[in-house]
Protein backbone atom coordinates (compact mmCIF):
# COMPACT_ATOMS: atom_id res chain seq x y z
CA MET A 1 0.03 0.07 0.06
CA ALA A 2 1.43 3.79 -0.79
CA PRO A 3 2.01 5.84 1.83
CA ARG A 4 -0.53 8.29 1.06
CA ASP A 5 -3.03 5.21 0.70
CA SER A 6 -1.87 3.73 4.26
CA LEU A 7 -2.27 7.25 5.83
CA ARG A 8 -5.98 7.57 4.55
CA ALA A 9 -6.64 4.07 5.82
CA ALA A 10 -5.19 4.85 9.41
CA ALA A 11 -7.12 8.07 9.50
CA GLU A 12 -10.38 6.27 8.32
CA MET A 13 -10.03 3.58 11.05
CA ALA A 14 -9.12 6.42 13.66
CA PHE A 15 -12.39 7.85 12.80
CA GLY A 16 -14.29 4.71 12.72
CA SER A 17 -12.86 3.86 16.33
CA ALA A 18 -14.45 7.38 17.75
CA LEU A 19 -17.44 6.45 16.49
CA ALA A 20 -17.49 3.07 18.04
CA ALA A 21 -16.48 4.91 21.63
CA VAL A 22 -19.49 7.04 21.42
CA ARG A 23 -22.48 4.37 20.46
CA PRO A 24 -25.34 5.67 22.23
CA ASP A 25 -26.77 2.03 23.26
CA THR A 26 -23.21 1.14 24.66
CA LEU A 27 -23.04 4.09 26.96
CA VAL A 28 -26.37 3.79 28.20
CA VAL A 29 -26.09 -0.13 28.79
CA ASP A 30 -22.84 0.50 30.74
CA ALA A 31 -24.46 3.42 32.89
CA VAL A 32 -27.97 2.44 33.61
CA ARG A 33 -29.53 -1.06 35.54
CA SER A 34 -33.04 -1.52 36.99
CA ASP A 35 -32.74 -3.25 40.44
CA GLY A 36 -36.04 -4.43 41.69
CA GLY A 37 -37.99 -1.72 39.96
CA SER A 38 -35.75 0.83 40.56
CA LEU A 39 -33.60 2.73 38.27
CA VAL A 40 -29.73 2.82 39.06
CA ILE A 41 -27.69 5.47 36.74
CA ARG A 42 -23.86 5.61 37.51
CA GLY A 43 -24.71 3.74 40.98
CA GLU A 44 -27.17 6.43 41.93
CA PRO A 45 -30.54 5.18 42.40
CA LEU A 46 -33.76 7.29 41.44
CA PRO A 47 -36.62 7.53 43.97
CA ARG A 48 -39.21 4.59 43.55
CA SER A 49 -41.94 5.42 41.46
CA CYS A 50 -45.58 4.21 42.50
CA GLY A 51 -46.78 6.10 39.51
CA CYS A 52 -45.75 6.72 35.79
CA ARG A 53 -42.28 6.07 34.68
CA VAL A 54 -42.04 7.64 31.41
CA VAL A 55 -38.89 8.01 29.23
CA VAL A 56 -38.21 10.41 26.30
CA ALA A 57 -35.64 10.10 23.95
CA LEU A 58 -34.71 13.37 21.97
CA GLY A 59 -32.11 14.25 19.29
CA LYS A 60 -30.03 12.44 16.61
CA ALA A 61 -28.91 9.65 18.74
CA ALA A 62 -32.67 9.35 20.15
CA PRO A 63 -33.28 5.89 18.69
CA ALA A 64 -30.01 4.35 19.94
CA LEU A 65 -30.34 5.91 23.21
CA LEU A 66 -33.49 4.20 24.00
CA ALA A 67 -32.69 0.94 22.63
CA GLY A 68 -29.83 1.09 25.04
CA PHE A 69 -32.01 2.28 27.78
CA LYS A 70 -34.81 -0.79 26.87
CA ALA A 71 -32.06 -3.01 26.81
CA ALA A 72 -30.46 -1.76 30.21
CA ALA A 73 -33.78 -1.86 32.26
CA PRO A 74 -36.03 -4.03 30.63
CA GLY A 75 -39.80 -3.38 31.70
CA TRP A 76 -38.85 -0.45 33.81
CA SER A 77 -40.84 2.26 31.59
CA THR A 78 -44.45 2.44 31.48
CA GLU A 79 -44.29 4.56 28.66
CA CYS A 80 -41.46 5.58 25.68
CA TRP A 81 -41.66 8.79 23.60
CA LEU A 82 -39.00 9.16 20.80
CA LEU A 83 -38.21 12.56 19.07
CA ALA A 84 -35.82 12.56 16.17
CA PRO A 85 -34.97 14.44 12.95
CA HIS A 86 -36.59 13.07 9.97
CA GLY A 87 -34.89 10.26 8.09
CA VAL A 88 -33.18 9.07 11.27
CA PRO A 89 -33.48 5.13 11.15
CA ILE A 90 -35.88 3.65 13.63
CA PRO A 91 -34.69 0.34 14.73
CA SER A 92 -37.53 -2.32 14.98
CA ARG A 93 -36.19 -3.57 18.26
CA LEU A 94 -37.49 -0.55 19.99
CA GLY A 95 -40.86 -2.17 19.80
CA ALA A 96 -44.63 -0.89 18.77
CA ASP A 97 -45.19 0.84 22.39
CA VAL A 98 -42.81 3.62 21.29
CA ARG A 99 -44.38 6.71 20.31
CA VAL A 100 -42.37 7.48 17.68
CA ARG A 101 -42.13 11.57 16.35
CA SER A 102 -39.95 13.31 13.96
CA GLY A 103 -39.04 16.92 13.36
CA GLY A 104 -37.02 19.10 11.42
CA HIS A 105 -33.40 19.45 11.48
CA PRO A 106 -31.12 21.73 11.46
CA LEU A 107 -34.29 24.08 10.90
CA PRO A 108 -37.94 23.63 12.68
CA ASP A 109 -40.57 22.45 11.06
CA ALA A 110 -44.21 21.95 11.54
CA ALA A 111 -43.81 18.38 12.62
CA GLY A 112 -41.52 19.33 15.23
CA GLU A 113 -43.95 21.87 16.59
CA GLY A 114 -46.80 19.47 16.83
CA ALA A 115 -44.81 16.88 18.39
CA THR A 116 -43.40 19.21 20.90
CA ARG A 117 -46.83 20.33 21.75
CA GLU A 118 -47.88 16.75 22.37
CA LEU A 119 -45.12 15.98 24.36
CA LEU A 120 -45.48 19.12 26.65
CA ALA A 121 -49.28 18.08 27.12
CA ARG A 122 -48.25 14.64 28.18
CA THR A 123 -45.63 15.93 30.78
CA ALA A 124 -47.97 18.37 32.23
CA ASP A 125 -49.91 15.84 33.60
CA LEU A 126 -46.93 14.23 35.63
CA GLY A 127 -47.39 14.42 39.31
CA CYS A 128 -45.15 13.89 42.35
CA ASP A 129 -45.35 9.95 42.21
CA ASP A 130 -44.04 9.85 38.64
CA VAL A 131 -40.56 9.81 37.31
CA LEU A 132 -39.54 11.29 34.12
CA VAL A 133 -36.30 10.25 32.52
CA VAL A 134 -34.72 12.51 29.57
CA LEU A 135 -32.51 10.68 27.03
CA LEU A 136 -30.98 13.89 25.23
CA SER A 137 -28.64 14.11 22.26
CA GLY A 138 -27.78 16.96 20.11
CA GLY A 139 -30.07 18.42 17.33
CA THR A 140 -32.51 18.58 20.13
CA SER A 141 -32.90 22.23 19.88
CA SER A 142 -34.49 22.41 16.20
CA LEU A 143 -36.93 19.45 17.14
CA LEU A 144 -38.48 20.93 20.11
CA ALA A 145 -40.17 23.56 17.57
CA SER A 146 -43.19 24.96 19.80
CA PRO A 147 -42.46 28.70 20.32
CA VAL A 148 -43.00 31.02 22.75
CA GLU A 149 -46.70 33.14 23.18
CA GLY A 150 -46.62 35.72 20.56
CA VAL A 151 -44.21 34.08 18.23
CA GLY A 152 -44.67 31.85 15.33
CA ARG A 153 -42.55 29.15 14.09
CA GLU A 154 -41.63 30.76 11.04
CA ASP A 155 -40.15 33.46 13.30
CA VAL A 156 -38.06 31.16 14.95
CA LEU A 157 -36.72 29.53 11.59
CA ALA A 158 -35.86 32.95 9.99
CA ALA A 159 -34.10 33.96 13.06
CA THR A 160 -32.25 30.43 13.09
CA ARG A 161 -31.11 31.05 9.24
CA LEU A 162 -29.88 34.22 9.78
CA LEU A 163 -27.80 33.01 12.70
CA LEU A 164 -26.23 30.42 10.92
CA ALA A 165 -25.63 32.17 8.03
CA ALA A 166 -23.86 34.74 10.14
CA GLY A 167 -21.41 32.15 11.60
CA ALA A 168 -22.77 32.26 14.71
CA PRO A 169 -21.21 29.56 17.39
CA ILE A 170 -23.67 27.34 18.89
CA GLY A 171 -23.71 28.73 22.12
CA GLU A 172 -25.03 32.03 20.78
CA LEU A 173 -27.28 30.12 18.76
CA ASN A 174 -28.86 28.49 21.84
CA THR A 175 -28.99 31.60 23.55
CA VAL A 176 -31.42 32.92 21.58
CA ARG A 177 -33.59 29.50 21.02
CA ARG A 178 -33.77 29.17 24.53
CA ALA A 179 -35.37 32.58 24.90
CA LEU A 180 -37.99 31.51 22.09
CA LEU A 181 -39.11 27.80 22.44
CA GLU A 182 -41.44 26.57 25.24
CA ALA A 183 -39.33 23.49 25.99
CA ALA A 184 -36.01 24.96 25.98
CA GLY A 185 -33.98 26.47 28.99
CA GLY A 186 -35.58 24.24 31.34
CA GLY A 187 -39.14 24.45 29.97
CA LEU A 188 -39.84 20.57 29.40
CA ALA A 189 -38.45 20.07 33.47
CA ARG A 190 -40.75 22.78 34.54
CA THR A 191 -43.93 21.41 32.41
CA ALA A 192 -43.14 18.36 34.46
CA TRP A 193 -43.11 19.45 37.87
CA PRO A 194 -43.32 18.16 40.51
CA ALA A 195 -42.52 14.76 38.66
CA THR A 196 -38.81 13.60 39.48
CA VAL A 197 -36.70 14.37 36.41
CA ALA A 198 -33.77 12.50 35.60
CA THR A 199 -31.32 13.39 32.25
CA LEU A 200 -28.70 11.48 30.62
CA VAL A 201 -26.92 13.15 28.17
CA LEU A 202 -24.45 12.29 25.02
CA SER A 203 -23.40 15.86 24.66
CA ASP A 204 -22.57 17.46 21.25
CA VAL A 205 -21.20 20.62 22.88
CA VAL A 206 -17.27 20.81 23.28
CA VAL A 207 -17.31 23.86 25.68
CA GLY A 208 -20.08 25.38 26.95
CA VAL A 209 -22.80 24.80 30.13
CA PRO A 210 -25.38 21.78 30.03
CA ALA A 211 -28.00 24.45 28.78
CA ASP A 212 -26.42 24.41 25.51
CA ILE A 213 -26.96 20.54 25.15
CA GLY A 214 -30.50 20.57 22.83
CA SER A 215 -30.96 24.11 24.32
CA GLY A 216 -31.13 22.70 27.78
CA PRO A 217 -34.99 21.44 28.31
CA THR A 218 -34.12 19.69 31.52
CA VAL A 219 -31.83 22.60 33.02
CA ALA A 220 -32.26 26.01 34.09
CA SER A 221 -31.17 28.74 31.47
CA PRO A 222 -27.76 30.59 32.25
CA THR A 223 -28.84 33.27 29.81
CA GLY A 224 -32.08 35.17 29.41
CA PRO A 225 -33.92 37.47 26.78
CA VAL A 226 -31.47 40.85 27.13
CA ASP A 227 -28.66 38.07 26.24
CA ALA A 228 -30.49 37.03 23.27
CA LEU A 229 -31.16 40.48 22.12
CA ASP A 230 -27.25 41.02 22.32
CA VAL A 231 -26.35 37.76 20.43
CA LEU A 232 -28.74 39.40 17.70
CA LYS A 233 -27.15 42.80 17.93
CA ARG A 234 -23.50 41.50 17.89
CA HIS A 235 -24.49 39.98 14.37
CA GLU A 236 -26.17 43.16 13.18
CA LEU A 237 -29.72 41.25 13.02
CA LEU A 238 -32.09 43.33 15.04
CA GLU A 239 -33.24 44.93 12.03
CA ARG A 240 -33.51 41.53 9.90
CA VAL A 241 -35.15 38.95 12.56
CA PRO A 242 -38.98 39.40 12.23
CA PRO A 243 -40.41 41.77 14.49
CA ALA A 244 -42.40 39.21 16.83
CA VAL A 245 -38.85 37.71 17.88
CA ILE A 246 -37.83 41.24 19.10
CA ALA A 247 -41.06 42.19 20.61
CA ALA A 248 -41.23 38.54 22.47
CA LEU A 249 -37.74 38.99 23.81
CA ARG A 250 -38.37 42.48 25.38
CA ARG A 251 -41.47 41.45 27.23
CA ALA A 252 -39.99 38.12 28.15
CA PRO A 253 -39.30 37.67 32.21
CA GLY A 254 -35.77 37.73 32.60
CA SER A 255 -35.26 34.71 35.33
CA PRO A 256 -37.54 31.91 34.86
CA SER A 257 -38.35 29.71 38.02
CA PRO A 258 -35.08 27.34 38.94
CA ILE A 259 -35.23 23.97 38.35
CA GLY A 260 -32.97 20.95 39.18
CA GLY A 261 -32.72 17.09 38.75
CA PRO A 262 -30.05 14.30 38.60
CA TRP A 263 -28.08 14.72 35.33
CA TRP A 264 -25.24 12.46 33.80
CA VAL A 265 -22.97 13.04 30.68
CA LEU A 266 -22.69 9.70 29.20
CA GLY A 267 -20.01 10.82 26.42
CA ASP A 268 -19.12 13.50 24.74
CA ASN A 269 -16.37 14.86 22.07
CA ARG A 270 -13.54 13.93 24.33
CA THR A 271 -14.47 10.45 24.41
CA ALA A 272 -14.43 10.19 20.71
CA VAL A 273 -10.84 11.88 20.67
CA ALA A 274 -9.34 9.73 23.05
CA ALA A 275 -10.62 6.53 21.37
CA ALA A 276 -8.98 8.41 18.13
CA VAL A 277 -5.96 9.06 19.80
CA ALA A 278 -5.82 4.95 21.56
CA ALA A 279 -6.31 4.05 18.01
CA LEU A 280 -3.30 5.72 16.36
CA ARG A 281 -1.30 4.83 18.61
CA GLU A 282 -1.80 1.37 18.79
CA ALA A 283 -1.29 1.83 14.65
CA GLY A 284 2.38 3.12 15.69
CA PHE A 285 1.72 6.78 15.27
CA THR A 286 3.05 9.17 17.59
CA VAL A 287 0.17 11.23 18.41
CA THR A 288 -0.38 14.60 19.82
CA GLU A 289 -3.85 15.05 21.36
CA VAL A 290 -4.91 18.87 21.26
CA ALA A 291 -6.85 19.51 24.66
CA ARG A 292 -8.14 22.97 23.38
CA PRO A 293 -11.46 22.42 21.66
CA LEU A 294 -11.69 23.52 18.09
CA ALA A 295 -13.70 26.57 17.45
CA GLY A 296 -13.95 29.32 15.03
CA GLU A 297 -13.95 29.48 11.09
CA ALA A 298 -13.79 26.16 9.27
CA ALA A 299 -11.59 27.45 6.35
CA ARG A 300 -9.18 29.12 8.69
CA TRP A 301 -8.73 26.08 10.65
CA GLY A 302 -8.35 24.27 7.35
CA ARG A 303 -5.33 26.46 6.49
CA VAL A 304 -3.82 26.28 9.68
CA LEU A 305 -4.06 22.46 10.15
CA GLY A 306 -2.79 22.06 6.28
CA SER A 307 0.32 24.30 6.78
CA LEU A 308 0.82 22.38 9.93
CA ALA A 309 0.76 19.07 8.24
CA ARG A 310 2.91 20.45 5.34
CA GLY A 311 5.88 21.81 7.81
CA VAL A 312 5.98 18.97 10.03
CA ARG A 313 9.13 16.63 9.61
CA PRO A 314 8.53 13.73 11.97
CA THR A 315 11.20 10.66 12.16
CA SER A 316 8.17 8.34 12.91
CA PRO A 317 4.55 8.40 11.95
CA PHE A 318 2.78 11.33 13.23
CA ALA A 319 -0.64 12.64 13.93
CA VAL A 320 -2.20 15.50 15.64
CA VAL A 321 -6.15 14.81 16.98
CA LEU A 322 -8.66 17.36 17.70
CA GLY A 323 -12.38 17.91 18.62
CA GLY A 324 -14.80 20.51 18.38
CA GLU A 325 -17.02 22.45 16.42
CA THR A 326 -16.10 25.21 13.67
CA THR A 327 -18.48 27.62 12.11
CA VAL A 328 -18.92 28.79 8.48
CA THR A 329 -19.94 32.57 7.28
CA VAL A 330 -21.99 31.90 4.44
CA ARG A 331 -20.83 33.90 1.76
CA GLY A 332 -21.67 31.90 -1.62
CA GLY A 333 -24.64 29.53 -2.58
CA GLY A 334 -22.40 26.33 -2.39
CA ARG A 335 -23.21 22.97 -1.06
CA GLY A 336 -21.01 21.60 1.69
CA GLY A 337 -20.69 21.83 5.64
CA ARG A 338 -17.94 22.98 8.13
CA SER A 339 -16.04 19.80 8.01
CA GLN A 340 -15.95 19.82 4.16
CA GLU A 341 -14.88 23.35 4.14
CA LEU A 342 -12.27 22.41 6.67
CA ALA A 343 -10.76 19.80 4.17
CA LEU A 344 -11.03 21.90 1.29
CA ALA A 345 -9.13 24.43 3.11
CA ALA A 346 -6.30 21.98 4.08
CA ALA A 347 -6.32 20.44 0.98
CA LEU A 348 -5.26 23.50 -0.80
CA ALA A 349 -2.94 24.32 2.04
CA VAL A 350 -1.21 20.71 1.52
CA ALA A 351 -1.37 20.71 -2.43
CA GLY A 352 1.89 19.05 -3.92
CA CYS A 353 2.85 18.07 -0.62
CA SER A 354 3.08 13.82 -0.37
CA GLU A 355 2.41 11.42 2.68
CA ARG A 356 0.16 13.84 4.29
CA VAL A 357 -3.43 13.56 5.14
CA VAL A 358 -6.18 15.59 7.03
CA LEU A 359 -9.63 14.25 7.86
CA ALA A 360 -12.24 16.21 9.07
CA ALA A 361 -16.05 14.64 9.78
CA GLY A 362 -18.78 15.01 11.91
CA THR A 363 -19.71 12.06 14.24
CA ASP A 364 -23.50 12.40 13.30
CA GLY A 365 -22.56 11.47 9.75
CA VAL A 366 -24.06 14.72 8.46
CA ASP A 367 -22.17 17.67 7.75
CA GLY A 368 -24.40 20.81 6.45
CA ILE A 369 -26.01 20.39 3.20
CA GLY A 370 -25.65 17.06 1.34
CA ASP A 371 -25.22 13.50 2.40
CA ALA A 372 -21.45 13.56 3.55
CA ALA A 373 -19.88 13.44 6.96
CA GLY A 374 -16.98 15.41 5.98
CA GLY A 375 -13.72 14.88 3.50
CA VAL A 376 -10.25 13.10 3.91
CA VAL A 377 -7.67 15.13 1.85
CA ASP A 378 -3.61 14.81 0.84
CA GLY A 379 -1.19 16.29 -1.39
CA SER A 380 -3.01 15.37 -4.66
CA SER A 381 -6.26 16.14 -3.48
CA VAL A 382 -6.27 19.59 -5.35
CA ALA A 383 -4.87 18.22 -8.46
CA ARG A 384 -7.81 15.71 -8.87
CA MET A 385 -10.11 18.25 -8.47
CA VAL A 386 -8.84 20.46 -11.08
CA ALA A 387 -8.48 17.47 -13.23
CA ALA A 388 -12.33 17.20 -12.35
CA GLY A 389 -13.18 20.46 -13.63
CA ARG A 390 -13.40 22.19 -10.29
CA ASP A 391 -11.68 25.76 -9.23
CA PRO A 392 -10.97 24.41 -5.50
CA GLU A 393 -10.04 28.16 -4.63
CA ALA A 394 -13.29 29.51 -6.04
CA ASP A 395 -15.09 26.45 -4.50
CA LEU A 396 -13.84 27.62 -1.09
CA ARG A 397 -14.81 31.07 -1.64
CA ALA A 398 -18.35 29.97 -2.79
CA ASN A 399 -18.67 27.56 0.40
CA ASP A 400 -19.01 24.75 -2.50
CA SER A 401 -16.76 22.30 -0.49
CA GLY A 402 -19.16 19.05 -1.04
CA PRO A 403 -19.03 19.18 -4.76
CA ALA A 404 -15.09 19.76 -4.79
CA LEU A 405 -14.55 17.11 -2.53
CA VAL A 406 -16.96 14.63 -4.51
CA ALA A 407 -14.87 15.45 -7.70
CA ALA A 408 -11.62 14.29 -6.07
CA GLY A 409 -12.96 11.16 -4.34
CA ASP A 410 -12.33 12.69 -1.14
CA SER A 411 -15.90 13.03 0.35
CA ILE A 412 -16.51 10.96 3.49
CA VAL A 413 -20.01 9.05 3.55
CA THR A 414 -21.01 7.34 6.47
CA GLY A 415 -24.83 8.09 6.57
CA PRO A 416 -26.59 8.78 9.59
CA THR A 417 -24.43 7.06 12.46
CA GLY A 418 -26.69 7.18 15.36
CA THR A 419 -24.50 9.17 17.39
CA ASN A 420 -23.83 13.17 17.75
CA VAL A 421 -20.64 14.27 19.60
CA ALA A 422 -19.52 17.19 17.23
CA ASP A 423 -16.66 17.12 14.94
CA LEU A 424 -13.32 15.23 14.70
CA VAL A 425 -10.32 16.28 12.68
CA LEU A 426 -6.94 14.15 12.32
CA VAL A 427 -3.57 15.44 11.00
CA LEU A 428 -1.37 12.33 9.85
CA ALA A 429 2.03 12.34 8.42
CA ALA A 430 4.40 9.68 7.22
CA SER A 431 7.96 9.37 8.65
CA ALA A 432 10.47 11.80 6.47
CA SER A 433 13.26 8.78 6.98
């Protein structure tokens, strides 16, 4: 196998190991057990319930989380709900008793709004003898699409689109959404009070607070309407979002009533990073793990990491592993996503340099517009793009990374992975000796 091919194979192997480490069903089975009717999570028993025991699975990883829960605690739940993005596969082993609903992602839709209202109506009927277990994963923010009074779903949709196009990081996006959505910022838990509410989380948030994960349906929001207005102002959107959004933020109470409840993180981006590091070390690489989470413009990071790959002269196979979530400020009308944009920028930086590989991919298998999870590029990628009739520099300017990577044969397509812990980036270099 040529050095380039072996590096690509190693990168793809490490990415696969990272995905395996954050399989939701496995993580739940490792954390949960049922002991004579009591639910025990990471060694901590929940109060015994003589009433309803409701399990609600939310987000991109909802099906696998619920499958794991039912395997770990068979017969414990009296009722199960599942809300996932349209098109996410629902395993048949979940059973016919699960109330399956779907909604739009990354933009909210009518189906998600209806499912949220149905769920809130059900949890509002819970009492002090009942238990609500929430299995939470990334993607929940857009699924819980029921807006606060005076705001329409199209208003939230417009604000979300504007923030995404402006390159707003996930924390800022959720600051606005928590103030505009009924179930966000602890809204689901407040509706379920006085029932016991416990939350198990597969986290797609790399830096932030618990309320950033799925906009925090079971935890109090650390931000309020004033903070949401500040975000819109910072991105010069106050005059562009619908007037109903501004009106709702200006009249909303500043501090909703506090809530609480047990809360556990099953796995996160660092879990995936650690698995990739271990796999590469096992394969004989000297590995540097970057502790600081990846954040900021995808194209800039692609250039930085491509330059790093180009400049390193290792005496043995070498790798750098990073995790995080970059952003893309949309300036063109192309197709792609943050991982693909990072990969395209890296390809330009390593053009002509042999035995260097950069992989960037989303752990959920979905990166922006299209069916790719990301891309894996090397020193010959740009030449292959040009030979296929692409102009990679122009593609990068137009945010058209997806077609460029497809033309080079460098697109990573996994399909929905059933997990979601943000993105992984690998930089690999062969020995210079």
